[in-house]
Amino acid sequence: MGGTQSEHKLILEDGRTRYDGRALDELRPVSIQAGVLRRADGSAYVEWGQNKVLAAVYGPREVHPRHLQNPARAIVQARYNMASFSVGERKRPGPDRRSQEISKIISEAFTSVVFVEQFPRTTVDVYMEVLQADAGTRCAGLTAASVALADAGVPMRDIVPAVASGKVEDVVVCDLNKDEDTCGQADVPCAILPRTGEFLLLQMDGHLTYDELMRAIEYNRRAAKVINELQKEALRKKYSIVTLQNNEITEQPPQEQPPQEQLEKAADAPVASNPPEGGA
């Protein structure tokens, strides 16, 4: 949250419409694809507004170095990274404090939803690479990583959607874009379990009153249900294609039959008998 002054009004005069045409509680366009990487155990690609995020999952697999093994459960290791070309001004490559913080909170979020007790002494490695950034990248990354985990067959309590709401020009809005995030007054990213309503991630940057915070959380709850349906649809689409391919019946070309005349001549031909031993 930069809190800088925008060159134009972010909330129009009617108080119900944002400058990009969206309603206060409306999401940016979201598309999700599952199984986009062949080498990974599970993968997903998310386009969310102008965000483009790729996620890959490997495991459960052996932990290296071995002293990190937990004999009682698996460990979930998440790595969030923004590519150098993902923002307008080239970002210095390598992890920074922000990336390390986001990696840590996403690891903790998935540790509470993955059935880690089923895989002792192993690790589940989750990689999120932001290819293009336009605000809300941690939520887009977590959403993509959740689909990648499901694609890898890692057992979880539920597929986890994430979304952020915030305050712009004293108005609470859902799913901030880059201008709203830069010039906004507050930001509330959430990750929610759709079936139970539990919060796996809840942060706040900025200042909100109690009523504004409750409105932001309600926007996040409603948006999370929409995103969760898109996540499930991406998985259904991938595995319905796989099922069709596995059930496809390939037609064998008919074998070439000899002409009818050849069959008749072969039937009428005399059968040669073996001559007796010793001659006539």
C-alpha atoms as a PDB file:
ATOM      1  CA  MET A   1       0.000   0.000   0.000  1.00  0.00           C
ATOM      2  CA  GLY A   2       1.713   3.125  -1.215  1.00  0.00           C
ATOM      3  CA  GLY A   3      -0.872   5.733  -0.229  1.00  0.00           C
ATOM      4  CA  THR A   4       0.280   7.967  -3.094  1.00  0.00           C
ATOM      5  CA  GLN A   5      -2.075  10.283  -4.930  1.00  0.00           C
ATOM      6  CA  SER A   6      -3.593   8.939  -8.140  1.00  0.00           C
ATOM      7  CA  GLU A   7      -3.714  10.989 -11.333  1.00  0.00           C
ATOM      8  CA  HIS A   8      -7.417  10.198 -11.707  1.00  0.00           C
ATOM      9  CA  LYS A   9     -10.359   9.294  -9.500  1.00  0.00           C
ATOM     10  CA  LEU A  10     -10.284   5.603  -8.591  1.00  0.00           C
ATOM     11  CA  ILE A  11     -13.899   5.644  -7.354  1.00  0.00           C
ATOM     12  CA  LEU A  12     -16.391   7.396  -9.626  1.00  0.00           C
ATOM     13  CA  GLU A  13     -18.824  10.035  -8.408  1.00  0.00           C
ATOM     14  CA  ASP A  14     -21.695   7.555  -7.960  1.00  0.00           C
ATOM     15  CA  GLY A  15     -19.662   5.854  -5.213  1.00  0.00           C
ATOM     16  CA  ARG A  16     -20.484   2.381  -6.582  1.00  0.00           C
ATOM     17  CA  THR A  17     -18.227   2.101  -9.648  1.00  0.00           C
ATOM     18  CA  ARG A  18     -14.457   1.946  -9.956  1.00  0.00           C
ATOM     19  CA  TYR A  19     -12.471   3.660 -12.692  1.00  0.00           C
ATOM     20  CA  ASP A  20     -11.944   0.318 -14.526  1.00  0.00           C
ATOM     21  CA  GLY A  21     -15.716  -0.209 -14.697  1.00  0.00           C
ATOM     22  CA  ARG A  22     -15.985  -2.848 -11.981  1.00  0.00           C
ATOM     23  CA  ALA A  23     -18.452  -2.782  -9.100  1.00  0.00           C
ATOM     24  CA  LEU A  24     -17.055  -2.459  -5.583  1.00  0.00           C
ATOM     25  CA  ASP A  25     -17.304  -6.207  -4.930  1.00  0.00           C
ATOM     26  CA  GLU A  26     -16.363  -7.423  -8.440  1.00  0.00           C
ATOM     27  CA  LEU A  27     -13.328  -9.548  -9.268  1.00  0.00           C
ATOM     28  CA  ARG A  28     -10.973  -8.979 -12.164  1.00  0.00           C
ATOM     29  CA  PRO A  29     -11.170 -11.626 -14.931  1.00  0.00           C
ATOM     30  CA  VAL A  30      -9.660 -14.900 -13.669  1.00  0.00           C
ATOM     31  CA  SER A  31      -8.648 -17.948 -15.722  1.00  0.00           C
ATOM     32  CA  ILE A  32      -7.007 -21.110 -14.372  1.00  0.00           C
ATOM     33  CA  GLN A  33      -5.366 -24.043 -16.148  1.00  0.00           C
ATOM     34  CA  ALA A  34      -4.235 -27.270 -14.464  1.00  0.00           C
ATOM     35  CA  GLY A  35      -1.456 -29.596 -15.578  1.00  0.00           C
ATOM     36  CA  VAL A  36       0.555 -27.194 -17.721  1.00  0.00           C
ATOM     37  CA  LEU A  37       4.015 -28.633 -16.894  1.00  0.00           C
ATOM     38  CA  ARG A  38       4.882 -32.212 -17.845  1.00  0.00           C
ATOM     39  CA  ARG A  39       7.964 -32.579 -15.614  1.00  0.00           C
ATOM     40  CA  ALA A  40       6.232 -31.518 -12.391  1.00  0.00           C
ATOM     41  CA  ASP A  41       4.043 -33.825 -10.303  1.00  0.00           C
ATOM     42  CA  GLY A  42       1.371 -31.134 -10.408  1.00  0.00           C
ATOM     43  CA  SER A  43       1.144 -27.672 -11.946  1.00  0.00           C
ATOM     44  CA  ALA A  44      -1.177 -24.772 -12.656  1.00  0.00           C
ATOM     45  CA  TYR A  45      -1.202 -21.460 -14.501  1.00  0.00           C
ATOM     46  CA  VAL A  46      -3.323 -18.505 -13.385  1.00  0.00           C
ATOM     47  CA  GLU A  47      -4.114 -15.281 -15.193  1.00  0.00           C
ATOM     48  CA  TRP A  48      -5.784 -12.848 -12.808  1.00  0.00           C
ATOM     49  CA  GLY A  49      -6.295  -9.418 -14.287  1.00  0.00           C
ATOM     50  CA  GLN A  50      -2.797  -8.605 -15.563  1.00  0.00           C
ATOM     51  CA  ASN A  51      -1.168 -11.094 -13.164  1.00  0.00           C
ATOM     52  CA  LYS A  52       0.373 -14.211 -14.697  1.00  0.00           C
ATOM     53  CA  VAL A  53       1.537 -16.865 -12.234  1.00  0.00           C
ATOM     54  CA  LEU A  54       2.918 -20.361 -12.739  1.00  0.00           C
ATOM     55  CA  ALA A  55       2.925 -22.944  -9.918  1.00  0.00           C
ATOM     56  CA  ALA A  56       4.577 -26.365  -9.746  1.00  0.00           C
ATOM     57  CA  VAL A  57       4.510 -29.084  -7.072  1.00  0.00           C
ATOM     58  CA  TYR A  58       7.019 -31.889  -6.510  1.00  0.00           C
ATOM     59  CA  GLY A  59       6.450 -34.639  -3.960  1.00  0.00           C
ATOM     60  CA  PRO A  60       5.923 -36.051  -1.513  1.00  0.00           C
ATOM     61  CA  ARG A  61       9.606 -36.937  -1.934  1.00  0.00           C
ATOM     62  CA  GLU A  62      12.726 -37.462   0.136  1.00  0.00           C
ATOM     63  CA  VAL A  63      13.936 -34.486   2.153  1.00  0.00           C
ATOM     64  CA  HIS A  64      17.355 -33.012   1.399  1.00  0.00           C
ATOM     65  CA  PRO A  65      19.279 -32.373   3.553  1.00  0.00           C
ATOM     66  CA  ARG A  66      18.130 -35.333   5.621  1.00  0.00           C
ATOM     67  CA  HIS A  67      18.494 -33.642   8.993  1.00  0.00           C
ATOM     68  CA  LEU A  68      15.379 -31.624   8.095  1.00  0.00           C
ATOM     69  CA  GLN A  69      13.229 -34.774   8.029  1.00  0.00           C
ATOM     70  CA  ASN A  70      10.335 -34.935  10.470  1.00  0.00           C
ATOM     71  CA  PRO A  71       9.650 -38.549  11.569  1.00  0.00           C
ATOM     72  CA  ALA A  72       6.006 -37.725  12.356  1.00  0.00           C
ATOM     73  CA  ARG A  73       4.884 -35.819   9.266  1.00  0.00           C
ATOM     74  CA  ALA A  74       5.779 -34.296   5.935  1.00  0.00           C
ATOM     75  CA  ILE A  75       7.044 -30.749   5.651  1.00  0.00           C
ATOM     76  CA  VAL A  76       5.582 -28.306   3.137  1.00  0.00           C
ATOM     77  CA  GLN A  77       8.143 -25.956   1.626  1.00  0.00           C
ATOM     78  CA  ALA A  78       6.848 -23.072  -0.507  1.00  0.00           C
ATOM     79  CA  ARG A  79       8.964 -20.767  -2.624  1.00  0.00           C
ATOM     80  CA  TYR A  80       7.393 -17.584  -3.970  1.00  0.00           C
ATOM     81  CA  ASN A  81       9.443 -15.619  -6.481  1.00  0.00           C
ATOM     82  CA  MET A  82       8.856 -12.661  -8.774  1.00  0.00           C
ATOM     83  CA  ALA A  83      10.728 -12.804 -12.059  1.00  0.00           C
ATOM     84  CA  SER A  84      13.013  -9.871 -12.830  1.00  0.00           C
ATOM     85  CA  PHE A  85      10.826  -8.954 -15.813  1.00  0.00           C
ATOM     86  CA  SER A  86       7.514  -9.256 -13.957  1.00  0.00           C
ATOM     87  CA  VAL A  87       7.330  -5.537 -13.066  1.00  0.00           C
ATOM     88  CA  GLY A  88       7.847  -2.296 -14.959  1.00  0.00           C
ATOM     89  CA  GLU A  89      11.276  -1.541 -13.518  1.00  0.00           C
ATOM     90  CA  ARG A  90      13.561  -4.553 -13.565  1.00  0.00           C
ATOM     91  CA  LYS A  91      13.568  -6.328 -10.208  1.00  0.00           C
ATOM     92  CA  ARG A  92      16.819  -7.517  -8.727  1.00  0.00           C
ATOM     93  CA  PRO A  93      16.891 -11.319  -9.140  1.00  0.00           C
ATOM     94  CA  GLY A  94      16.892 -13.617  -6.141  1.00  0.00           C
ATOM     95  CA  PRO A  95      14.880 -13.730  -2.898  1.00  0.00           C
ATOM     96  CA  ASP A  96      14.198 -10.579  -0.919  1.00  0.00           C
ATOM     97  CA  ARG A  97      12.506 -10.008   2.448  1.00  0.00           C
ATOM     98  CA  ARG A  98       9.047  -9.763   0.891  1.00  0.00           C
ATOM     99  CA  SER A  99       9.441 -13.011  -1.057  1.00  0.00           C
ATOM    100  CA  GLN A 100      10.732 -14.811   2.030  1.00  0.00           C
ATOM    101  CA  GLU A 101       7.801 -13.557   4.109  1.00  0.00           C
ATOM    102  CA  ILE A 102       5.231 -14.631   1.514  1.00  0.00           C
ATOM    103  CA  SER A 103       6.941 -18.026   1.107  1.00  0.00           C
ATOM    104  CA  LYS A 104       6.750 -18.556   4.873  1.00  0.00           C
ATOM    105  CA  ILE A 105       3.072 -17.676   5.269  1.00  0.00           C
ATOM    106  CA  ILE A 106       2.083 -19.808   2.255  1.00  0.00           C
ATOM    107  CA  SER A 107       4.057 -22.756   3.680  1.00  0.00           C
ATOM    108  CA  GLU A 108       2.200 -22.377   6.970  1.00  0.00           C
ATOM    109  CA  ALA A 109      -1.151 -22.086   5.205  1.00  0.00           C
ATOM    110  CA  PHE A 110      -0.652 -25.310   3.234  1.00  0.00           C
ATOM    111  CA  THR A 111       0.790 -27.174   6.236  1.00  0.00           C
ATOM    112  CA  SER A 112      -2.567 -26.749   7.963  1.00  0.00           C
ATOM    113  CA  VAL A 113      -4.570 -28.062   4.993  1.00  0.00           C
ATOM    114  CA  VAL A 114      -2.397 -30.900   3.608  1.00  0.00           C
ATOM    115  CA  PHE A 115      -2.646 -34.292   5.370  1.00  0.00           C
ATOM    116  CA  VAL A 116       1.026 -34.176   6.329  1.00  0.00           C
ATOM    117  CA  GLU A 117       0.700 -37.068   8.824  1.00  0.00           C
ATOM    118  CA  GLN A 118       0.274 -39.489   5.935  1.00  0.00           C
ATOM    119  CA  PHE A 119       3.781 -38.835   4.583  1.00  0.00           C
ATOM    120  CA  PRO A 120       6.377 -38.835   7.392  1.00  0.00           C
ATOM    121  CA  ARG A 121      10.012 -38.040   6.565  1.00  0.00           C
ATOM    122  CA  THR A 122       9.082 -36.458   3.235  1.00  0.00           C
ATOM    123  CA  THR A 123       8.701 -33.002   1.749  1.00  0.00           C
ATOM    124  CA  VAL A 124       6.140 -31.411  -0.543  1.00  0.00           C
ATOM    125  CA  ASP A 125       7.844 -28.641  -2.500  1.00  0.00           C
ATOM    126  CA  VAL A 126       5.661 -25.855  -3.912  1.00  0.00           C
ATOM    127  CA  TYR A 127       7.094 -23.319  -6.362  1.00  0.00           C
ATOM    128  CA  MET A 128       5.293 -20.140  -7.434  1.00  0.00           C
ATOM    129  CA  GLU A 129       6.794 -17.979 -10.155  1.00  0.00           C
ATOM    130  CA  VAL A 130       5.221 -14.595 -10.893  1.00  0.00           C
ATOM    131  CA  LEU A 131       5.754 -13.925 -14.589  1.00  0.00           C
ATOM    132  CA  GLN A 132       3.799 -10.646 -14.660  1.00  0.00           C
ATOM    133  CA  ALA A 133       2.685  -8.669 -11.622  1.00  0.00           C
ATOM    134  CA  ASP A 134      -0.349  -6.419 -11.234  1.00  0.00           C
ATOM    135  CA  ALA A 135      -1.190  -6.428  -7.482  1.00  0.00           C
ATOM    136  CA  GLY A 136      -2.500  -9.405  -5.553  1.00  0.00           C
ATOM    137  CA  THR A 137       0.328 -11.730  -6.585  1.00  0.00           C
ATOM    138  CA  ARG A 138       0.452 -13.603  -3.266  1.00  0.00           C
ATOM    139  CA  CYS A 139      -3.237 -14.483  -3.606  1.00  0.00           C
ATOM    140  CA  ALA A 140      -2.814 -15.475  -7.244  1.00  0.00           C
ATOM    141  CA  GLY A 141       0.230 -17.573  -6.323  1.00  0.00           C
ATOM    142  CA  LEU A 142      -1.548 -19.335  -3.470  1.00  0.00           C
ATOM    143  CA  THR A 143      -4.584 -19.995  -5.681  1.00  0.00           C
ATOM    144  CA  ALA A 144      -2.370 -21.486  -8.408  1.00  0.00           C
ATOM    145  CA  ALA A 145      -0.368 -23.545  -5.897  1.00  0.00           C
ATOM    146  CA  SER A 146      -3.553 -25.035  -4.446  1.00  0.00           C
ATOM    147  CA  VAL A 147      -4.638 -26.255  -7.896  1.00  0.00           C
ATOM    148  CA  ALA A 148      -1.126 -27.620  -8.502  1.00  0.00           C
ATOM    149  CA  LEU A 149      -1.277 -29.574  -5.223  1.00  0.00           C
ATOM    150  CA  ALA A 150      -4.603 -31.089  -6.224  1.00  0.00           C
ATOM    151  CA  ASP A 151      -3.206 -31.864  -9.673  1.00  0.00           C
ATOM    152  CA  ALA A 152      -0.286 -33.688  -8.010  1.00  0.00           C
ATOM    153  CA  GLY A 153      -2.721 -35.833  -6.029  1.00  0.00           C
ATOM    154  CA  VAL A 154      -1.581 -34.502  -2.650  1.00  0.00           C
ATOM    155  CA  PRO A 155      -4.460 -35.169  -0.187  1.00  0.00           C
ATOM    156  CA  MET A 156      -5.872 -31.966   1.306  1.00  0.00           C
ATOM    157  CA  ARG A 157      -8.853 -30.931   3.394  1.00  0.00           C
ATOM    158  CA  ASP A 158     -10.011 -28.660   0.561  1.00  0.00           C
ATOM    159  CA  ILE A 159      -8.789 -26.635  -2.394  1.00  0.00           C
ATOM    160  CA  VAL A 160      -7.786 -23.211  -1.105  1.00  0.00           C
ATOM    161  CA  PRO A 161      -8.729 -19.949  -2.856  1.00  0.00           C
ATOM    162  CA  ALA A 162      -7.212 -16.611  -1.867  1.00  0.00           C
ATOM    163  CA  VAL A 163      -8.251 -13.030  -2.581  1.00  0.00           C
ATOM    164  CA  ALA A 164      -7.570  -9.530  -1.228  1.00  0.00           C
ATOM    165  CA  SER A 165      -9.882  -6.610  -0.538  1.00  0.00           C
ATOM    166  CA  GLY A 166      -8.891  -3.134   0.593  1.00  0.00           C
ATOM    167  CA  LYS A 167      -9.803   0.520   0.989  1.00  0.00           C
ATOM    168  CA  VAL A 168      -9.472   3.056  -1.811  1.00  0.00           C
ATOM    169  CA  GLU A 169     -10.504   6.705  -1.378  1.00  0.00           C
ATOM    170  CA  ASP A 170     -12.324   5.753   1.852  1.00  0.00           C
ATOM    171  CA  VAL A 171     -14.348   3.038   0.066  1.00  0.00           C
ATOM    172  CA  VAL A 172     -13.892  -0.708   0.659  1.00  0.00           C
ATOM    173  CA  VAL A 173     -13.390  -2.612  -2.623  1.00  0.00           C
ATOM    174  CA  CYS A 174     -12.655  -6.203  -3.627  1.00  0.00           C
ATOM    175  CA  ASP A 175      -9.598  -7.414  -5.571  1.00  0.00           C
ATOM    176  CA  LEU A 176      -7.418  -4.318  -5.923  1.00  0.00           C
ATOM    177  CA  ASN A 177      -5.591  -3.709  -9.192  1.00  0.00           C
ATOM    178  CA  LYS A 178      -2.176  -2.064  -9.458  1.00  0.00           C
ATOM    179  CA  ASP A 179      -3.346   1.564  -9.253  1.00  0.00           C
ATOM    180  CA  GLU A 180      -5.710   0.809  -6.372  1.00  0.00           C
ATOM    181  CA  ASP A 181      -2.990  -1.083  -4.523  1.00  0.00           C
ATOM    182  CA  THR A 182      -0.422   1.658  -5.040  1.00  0.00           C
ATOM    183  CA  CYS A 183      -2.737   4.529  -4.076  1.00  0.00           C
ATOM    184  CA  GLY A 184      -4.990   2.670  -1.651  1.00  0.00           C
ATOM    185  CA  GLN A 185      -5.250   3.058   2.100  1.00  0.00           C
ATOM    186  CA  ALA A 186      -5.462  -0.595   3.193  1.00  0.00           C
ATOM    187  CA  ASP A 187      -5.130  -4.158   1.928  1.00  0.00           C
ATOM    188  CA  VAL A 188      -6.576  -7.372   3.438  1.00  0.00           C
ATOM    189  CA  PRO A 189      -5.435 -10.611   1.742  1.00  0.00           C
ATOM    190  CA  CYS A 190      -7.238 -13.790   2.855  1.00  0.00           C
ATOM    191  CA  ALA A 191      -7.054 -17.518   2.152  1.00  0.00           C
ATOM    192  CA  ILE A 192     -10.238 -19.353   3.103  1.00  0.00           C
ATOM    193  CA  LEU A 193     -11.348 -22.991   3.279  1.00  0.00           C
ATOM    194  CA  PRO A 194     -14.630 -22.923   1.310  1.00  0.00           C
ATOM    195  CA  ARG A 195     -16.335 -25.841   3.092  1.00  0.00           C
ATOM    196  CA  THR A 196     -15.736 -24.680   6.666  1.00  0.00           C
ATOM    197  CA  GLY A 197     -15.053 -20.962   6.261  1.00  0.00           C
ATOM    198  CA  GLU A 198     -11.767 -21.258   8.179  1.00  0.00           C
ATOM    199  CA  PHE A 199      -9.062 -18.678   7.520  1.00  0.00           C
ATOM    200  CA  LEU A 200      -5.669 -20.081   6.572  1.00  0.00           C
ATOM    201  CA  LEU A 201      -4.237 -16.634   5.865  1.00  0.00           C
ATOM    202  CA  LEU A 202      -5.373 -13.225   7.092  1.00  0.00           C
ATOM    203  CA  GLN A 203      -3.192 -10.133   6.894  1.00  0.00           C
ATOM    204  CA  MET A 204      -3.857  -6.419   6.977  1.00  0.00           C
ATOM    205  CA  ASP A 205      -1.700  -3.580   5.735  1.00  0.00           C
ATOM    206  CA  GLY A 206      -3.006  -0.072   6.448  1.00  0.00           C
ATOM    207  CA  HIS A 207      -5.808   1.251   8.604  1.00  0.00           C
ATOM    208  CA  LEU A 208      -9.452   0.107   8.666  1.00  0.00           C
ATOM    209  CA  THR A 209     -12.294   0.596  11.092  1.00  0.00           C
ATOM    210  CA  TYR A 210     -14.011  -2.497  12.477  1.00  0.00           C
ATOM    211  CA  ASP A 211     -16.968  -2.098  10.095  1.00  0.00           C
ATOM    212  CA  GLU A 212     -14.644  -1.628   7.104  1.00  0.00           C
ATOM    213  CA  LEU A 213     -12.661  -4.733   8.062  1.00  0.00           C
ATOM    214  CA  MET A 214     -15.851  -6.802   8.334  1.00  0.00           C
ATOM    215  CA  ARG A 215     -16.978  -5.552   4.917  1.00  0.00           C
ATOM    216  CA  ALA A 216     -13.602  -6.417   3.382  1.00  0.00           C
ATOM    217  CA  ILE A 217     -13.732  -9.925   4.869  1.00  0.00           C
ATOM    218  CA  GLU A 218     -17.274 -10.409   3.566  1.00  0.00           C
ATOM    219  CA  TYR A 219     -16.159  -9.361   0.082  1.00  0.00           C
ATOM    220  CA  ASN A 220     -13.320 -11.877   0.365  1.00  0.00           C
ATOM    221  CA  ARG A 221     -15.675 -14.673   1.437  1.00  0.00           C
ATOM    222  CA  ARG A 222     -17.953 -14.146  -1.540  1.00  0.00           C
ATOM    223  CA  ALA A 223     -15.092 -13.797  -4.004  1.00  0.00           C
ATOM    224  CA  ALA A 224     -13.385 -16.927  -2.626  1.00  0.00           C
ATOM    225  CA  LYS A 225     -16.442 -19.014  -3.523  1.00  0.00           C
ATOM    226  CA  VAL A 226     -16.264 -17.796  -7.127  1.00  0.00           C
ATOM    227  CA  ILE A 227     -12.536 -18.518  -7.348  1.00  0.00           C
ATOM    228  CA  ASN A 228     -12.994 -21.965  -5.798  1.00  0.00           C
ATOM    229  CA  GLU A 229     -15.472 -22.888  -8.541  1.00  0.00           C
ATOM    230  CA  LEU A 230     -12.919 -21.816 -11.160  1.00  0.00           C
ATOM    231  CA  GLN A 231     -10.275 -23.969  -9.450  1.00  0.00           C
ATOM    232  CA  LYS A 232     -12.510 -27.033  -9.477  1.00  0.00           C
ATOM    233  CA  GLU A 233     -13.552 -26.388 -13.066  1.00  0.00           C
ATOM    234  CA  ALA A 234      -9.877 -26.253 -14.147  1.00  0.00           C
ATOM    235  CA  LEU A 235      -9.259 -29.665 -12.551  1.00  0.00           C
ATOM    236  CA  ARG A 236     -12.457 -31.133 -14.008  1.00  0.00           C
ATOM    237  CA  LYS A 237     -11.495 -29.883 -17.452  1.00  0.00           C
ATOM    238  CA  LYS A 238      -8.041 -31.452 -17.304  1.00  0.00           C
ATOM    239  CA  TYR A 239      -9.135 -34.844 -16.004  1.00  0.00           C
ATOM    240  CA  SER A 240     -12.187 -35.073 -18.233  1.00  0.00           C
ATOM    241  CA  ILE A 241      -9.815 -34.763 -21.228  1.00  0.00           C
ATOM    242  CA  VAL A 242      -7.541 -37.443 -19.751  1.00  0.00           C
ATOM    243  CA  THR A 243     -10.523 -39.744 -19.196  1.00  0.00           C
ATOM    244  CA  LEU A 244     -11.726 -39.288 -22.767  1.00  0.00           C
ATOM    245  CA  GLN A 245      -8.263 -40.077 -24.092  1.00  0.00           C
ATOM    246  CA  ASN A 246      -7.998 -43.218 -21.965  1.00  0.00           C
ATOM    247  CA  ASN A 247     -11.441 -44.426 -23.026  1.00  0.00           C
ATOM    248  CA  GLU A 248     -10.966 -43.640 -26.701  1.00  0.00           C
ATOM    249  CA  ILE A 249     -11.481 -46.708 -28.940  1.00  0.00           C
ATOM    250  CA  THR A 250      -9.076 -46.784 -31.838  1.00  0.00           C
ATOM    251  CA  GLU A 251     -10.528 -48.395 -34.932  1.00  0.00           C
ATOM    252  CA  GLN A 252      -8.274 -51.045 -36.438  1.00  0.00           C
ATOM    253  CA  PRO A 253      -8.110 -50.968 -40.264  1.00  0.00           C
ATOM    254  CA  PRO A 254      -9.774 -54.027 -41.823  1.00  0.00           C
ATOM    255  CA  GLN A 255      -7.372 -56.718 -42.917  1.00  0.00           C
ATOM    256  CA  GLU A 256      -7.091 -57.176 -46.651  1.00  0.00           C
ATOM    257  CA  GLN A 257      -9.032 -60.297 -47.746  1.00  0.00           C
ATOM    258  CA  PRO A 258      -7.971 -62.396 -50.790  1.00  0.00           C
ATOM    259  CA  PRO A 259     -10.245 -62.144 -53.806  1.00  0.00           C
ATOM    260  CA  GLN A 260     -13.129 -64.609 -53.977  1.00  0.00           C
ATOM    261  CA  GLU A 261     -11.743 -66.252 -57.183  1.00  0.00           C
ATOM    262  CA  GLN A 262      -8.499 -67.158 -55.430  1.00  0.00           C
ATOM    263  CA  LEU A 263     -10.419 -68.757 -52.585  1.00  0.00           C
ATOM    264  CA  GLU A 264     -12.491 -70.866 -55.013  1.00  0.00           C
ATOM    265  CA  LYS A 265      -9.389 -72.044 -56.973  1.00  0.00           C
ATOM    266  CA  ALA A 266      -7.647 -73.003 -53.760  1.00  0.00           C
ATOM    267  CA  ALA A 267     -10.662 -75.069 -52.695  1.00  0.00           C
ATOM    268  CA  ASP A 268     -10.877 -76.956 -56.068  1.00  0.00           C
ATOM    269  CA  ALA A 269      -7.151 -77.735 -56.341  1.00  0.00           C
ATOM    270  CA  PRO A 270      -6.260 -81.501 -55.824  1.00  0.00           C
ATOM    271  CA  VAL A 271      -4.328 -82.379 -52.728  1.00  0.00           C
ATOM    272  CA  ALA A 272      -0.918 -83.931 -53.607  1.00  0.00           C
ATOM    273  CA  SER A 273      -0.306 -87.335 -51.960  1.00  0.00           C
ATOM    274  CA  ASN A 274       3.131 -88.494 -50.813  1.00  0.00           C
ATOM    275  CA  PRO A 275       4.673 -91.255 -53.094  1.00  0.00           C
ATOM    276  CA  PRO A 276       5.139 -94.721 -51.455  1.00  0.00           C
ATOM    277  CA  GLU A 277       8.552 -95.559 -50.097  1.00  0.00           C
ATOM    278  CA  GLY A 278      10.822 -97.631 -52.438  1.00  0.00           C
ATOM    279  CA  GLY A 279       9.061 -96.567 -55.690  1.00  0.00           C
ATOM    280  CA  ALA A 280       6.703 -98.668 -57.973  1.00  0.00           C
END
